[in-house]
N, C-alpha and C. Protein backbone atom coordinates (compact mmCIF):
# COMPACT_ATOMS: atom_id res chain seq x y z
N LEU A 1 114.40 104.66 125.73
CA LEU A 1 114.42 105.30 124.42
C LEU A 1 113.36 104.68 123.53
N PRO A 2 112.62 105.49 122.79
CA PRO A 2 111.60 104.94 121.92
C PRO A 2 112.23 104.24 120.71
N THR A 3 111.58 103.18 120.27
CA THR A 3 112.04 102.50 119.07
C THR A 3 111.70 103.36 117.87
N SER A 4 112.27 103.03 116.72
CA SER A 4 112.00 103.85 115.54
C SER A 4 110.53 103.77 115.16
N GLN A 5 109.90 102.59 115.30
CA GLN A 5 108.49 102.46 114.97
C GLN A 5 107.64 103.27 115.95
N GLU A 6 108.02 103.26 117.21
CA GLU A 6 107.27 104.01 118.21
C GLU A 6 107.34 105.51 117.93
N SER A 7 108.51 105.99 117.54
CA SER A 7 108.64 107.42 117.28
C SER A 7 107.88 107.83 116.01
N VAL A 8 107.68 106.87 115.10
CA VAL A 8 106.86 107.17 113.92
C VAL A 8 105.40 107.29 114.33
N LEU A 9 104.92 106.38 115.18
CA LEU A 9 103.53 106.43 115.63
C LEU A 9 103.28 107.61 116.55
N PHE A 10 104.18 107.83 117.48
CA PHE A 10 104.02 108.88 118.48
C PHE A 10 105.29 109.72 118.56
N PRO A 11 105.35 110.82 117.83
CA PRO A 11 106.56 111.65 117.85
C PRO A 11 106.81 112.23 119.25
N ASN A 12 108.08 112.48 119.55
CA ASN A 12 108.45 113.02 120.86
C ASN A 12 107.97 114.44 121.06
N LYS A 13 107.90 115.20 119.98
CA LYS A 13 107.58 116.61 120.09
C LYS A 13 106.54 116.99 119.04
N ILE A 14 105.49 117.65 119.48
CA ILE A 14 104.46 118.15 118.57
C ILE A 14 104.62 119.67 118.51
N THR A 15 104.95 120.17 117.33
CA THR A 15 105.24 121.60 117.22
C THR A 15 104.24 122.35 116.35
N THR A 16 103.46 121.63 115.54
CA THR A 16 102.52 122.33 114.67
C THR A 16 101.11 121.79 114.89
N GLU A 17 100.16 122.57 114.44
CA GLU A 17 98.76 122.15 114.53
C GLU A 17 98.53 120.89 113.69
N GLN A 18 99.17 120.82 112.54
CA GLN A 18 99.03 119.65 111.66
C GLN A 18 99.53 118.39 112.35
N GLN A 19 100.66 118.46 113.03
CA GLN A 19 101.19 117.30 113.76
C GLN A 19 100.23 116.88 114.87
N SER A 20 99.62 117.85 115.52
CA SER A 20 98.66 117.58 116.57
C SER A 20 97.43 116.86 116.02
N VAL A 21 96.94 117.31 114.88
CA VAL A 21 95.78 116.68 114.24
C VAL A 21 96.09 115.24 113.85
N VAL A 22 97.26 115.02 113.27
CA VAL A 22 97.67 113.67 112.87
C VAL A 22 97.76 112.75 114.09
N LEU A 23 98.34 113.24 115.17
CA LEU A 23 98.45 112.44 116.39
C LEU A 23 97.07 112.09 116.94
N MET A 24 96.16 113.05 116.96
CA MET A 24 94.81 112.79 117.47
C MET A 24 94.08 111.78 116.61
N LYS A 25 94.26 111.84 115.29
CA LYS A 25 93.64 110.86 114.40
C LYS A 25 94.18 109.46 114.67
N LYS A 26 95.48 109.35 114.89
CA LYS A 26 96.07 108.05 115.19
C LYS A 26 95.55 107.50 116.51
N LEU A 27 95.49 108.35 117.53
CA LEU A 27 94.99 107.91 118.83
C LEU A 27 93.53 107.49 118.76
N LEU A 28 92.73 108.23 118.00
CA LEU A 28 91.32 107.89 117.84
C LEU A 28 91.17 106.56 117.09
N ALA A 29 91.96 106.37 116.03
CA ALA A 29 91.90 105.12 115.27
C ALA A 29 92.29 103.93 116.14
N ILE A 30 93.33 104.09 116.93
CA ILE A 30 93.76 103.01 117.82
C ILE A 30 92.68 102.71 118.85
N SER A 31 92.09 103.75 119.43
CA SER A 31 91.05 103.57 120.45
C SER A 31 89.83 102.86 119.90
N VAL A 32 89.32 103.33 118.78
CA VAL A 32 88.13 102.72 118.17
C VAL A 32 88.43 101.28 117.76
N SER A 33 89.60 101.06 117.20
CA SER A 33 89.99 99.71 116.79
C SER A 33 90.04 98.76 117.98
N CYS A 34 90.66 99.20 119.06
CA CYS A 34 90.77 98.34 120.26
C CYS A 34 89.40 98.01 120.84
N ILE A 35 88.53 99.00 120.92
CA ILE A 35 87.19 98.79 121.47
C ILE A 35 86.40 97.81 120.60
N THR A 36 86.41 98.03 119.29
CA THR A 36 85.63 97.15 118.42
C THR A 36 86.20 95.74 118.41
N TYR A 37 87.53 95.62 118.49
CA TYR A 37 88.16 94.29 118.51
C TYR A 37 87.81 93.54 119.80
N LEU A 38 87.96 94.22 120.94
CA LEU A 38 87.69 93.56 122.22
C LEU A 38 86.22 93.18 122.37
N ARG A 39 85.33 93.93 121.76
CA ARG A 39 83.90 93.62 121.82
C ARG A 39 83.47 92.63 120.74
N GLY A 40 84.39 92.29 119.85
CA GLY A 40 84.09 91.31 118.81
C GLY A 40 83.06 91.79 117.80
N LEU A 41 83.08 93.08 117.47
CA LEU A 41 82.08 93.64 116.58
C LEU A 41 82.28 93.26 115.11
N PHE A 42 83.53 93.02 114.73
CA PHE A 42 83.83 92.69 113.34
C PHE A 42 84.69 91.44 113.29
N PRO A 43 84.69 90.74 112.14
CA PRO A 43 85.51 89.52 112.03
C PRO A 43 87.02 89.83 112.10
N GLU A 44 87.78 88.84 112.44
CA GLU A 44 89.24 88.97 112.56
C GLU A 44 89.87 89.53 111.28
N SER A 45 89.28 89.20 110.14
CA SER A 45 89.83 89.65 108.86
C SER A 45 89.73 91.17 108.68
N SER A 46 88.95 91.84 109.51
CA SER A 46 88.80 93.29 109.41
C SER A 46 89.91 94.05 110.14
N TYR A 47 90.85 93.33 110.73
CA TYR A 47 91.90 93.96 111.53
C TYR A 47 93.28 93.58 111.00
N GLY A 48 94.17 94.56 111.04
CA GLY A 48 95.58 94.32 110.78
C GLY A 48 96.31 94.35 112.12
N THR A 49 97.49 93.80 112.16
CA THR A 49 98.26 93.76 113.41
C THR A 49 99.44 94.71 113.32
N ARG A 50 99.58 95.54 114.33
CA ARG A 50 100.73 96.44 114.45
C ARG A 50 101.33 96.22 115.83
N TYR A 51 102.62 96.38 115.95
CA TYR A 51 103.29 96.21 117.23
C TYR A 51 103.90 97.52 117.68
N LEU A 52 103.74 97.81 118.94
CA LEU A 52 104.35 98.98 119.57
C LEU A 52 105.12 98.43 120.76
N ASP A 53 106.42 98.29 120.60
CA ASP A 53 107.25 97.55 121.55
C ASP A 53 106.69 96.15 121.71
N ASP A 54 106.30 95.75 122.92
CA ASP A 54 105.76 94.40 123.15
C ASP A 54 104.24 94.37 123.06
N LEU A 55 103.64 95.50 122.74
CA LEU A 55 102.18 95.59 122.70
C LEU A 55 101.67 95.30 121.29
N CYS A 56 100.78 94.33 121.20
CA CYS A 56 100.17 93.97 119.92
C CYS A 56 98.86 94.75 119.78
N LEU A 57 98.77 95.55 118.73
CA LEU A 57 97.56 96.34 118.48
C LEU A 57 96.83 95.79 117.27
N LYS A 58 95.53 95.62 117.39
CA LYS A 58 94.69 95.24 116.26
C LYS A 58 94.06 96.51 115.72
N ILE A 59 94.40 96.85 114.49
CA ILE A 59 93.95 98.10 113.90
C ILE A 59 92.93 97.80 112.81
N LEU A 60 91.76 98.44 112.91
CA LEU A 60 90.70 98.25 111.94
C LEU A 60 91.19 98.71 110.57
N ARG A 61 90.90 97.91 109.55
CA ARG A 61 91.32 98.26 108.20
C ARG A 61 90.13 98.11 107.25
N GLU A 62 90.29 98.58 106.05
CA GLU A 62 89.21 98.47 105.06
C GLU A 62 89.05 97.00 104.67
N ASP A 63 87.90 96.44 104.99
CA ASP A 63 87.58 95.06 104.66
C ASP A 63 86.30 95.10 103.83
N LYS A 64 86.44 94.91 102.53
CA LYS A 64 85.30 95.05 101.64
C LYS A 64 84.21 94.01 101.91
N SER A 65 84.56 92.93 102.61
CA SER A 65 83.56 91.91 102.93
C SER A 65 82.77 92.26 104.19
N CYS A 66 83.16 93.32 104.88
CA CYS A 66 82.47 93.74 106.10
C CYS A 66 82.14 95.23 106.00
N LEU A 67 80.89 95.51 105.63
CA LEU A 67 80.49 96.90 105.38
C LEU A 67 80.60 97.78 106.62
N GLY A 68 80.37 97.23 107.82
CA GLY A 68 80.46 98.00 109.05
C GLY A 68 81.86 98.52 109.30
N SER A 69 82.85 97.64 109.15
CA SER A 69 84.23 98.08 109.38
C SER A 69 84.67 99.05 108.29
N LEU A 70 84.21 98.84 107.09
CA LEU A 70 84.53 99.73 105.97
C LEU A 70 84.00 101.14 106.27
N GLN A 71 82.79 101.23 106.80
CA GLN A 71 82.20 102.53 107.12
C GLN A 71 82.96 103.24 108.23
N ILE A 72 83.33 102.51 109.27
CA ILE A 72 84.06 103.14 110.38
C ILE A 72 85.42 103.65 109.92
N VAL A 73 86.10 102.89 109.10
CA VAL A 73 87.40 103.33 108.57
C VAL A 73 87.24 104.60 107.73
N LYS A 74 86.17 104.66 106.94
CA LYS A 74 85.93 105.88 106.14
C LYS A 74 85.70 107.08 107.02
N TRP A 75 84.99 106.90 108.16
CA TRP A 75 84.75 108.01 109.09
C TRP A 75 86.05 108.54 109.61
């Protein structure tokens, strides 16, 4: 059974186009964040930590001291 946080991030059922768009944006944000974090493109301060069950995700956030991460988040 999914945890409540998991069901917020990834709903069990997508019934509308809007829900589909939101899910795709979340998946894209997670993917870009993971790639940039693993490649060490931005400082640690540019990432927030989110947990999905036992999985620790580093999510890119707006960091005014790092213009590159700020630009990617705006995109």
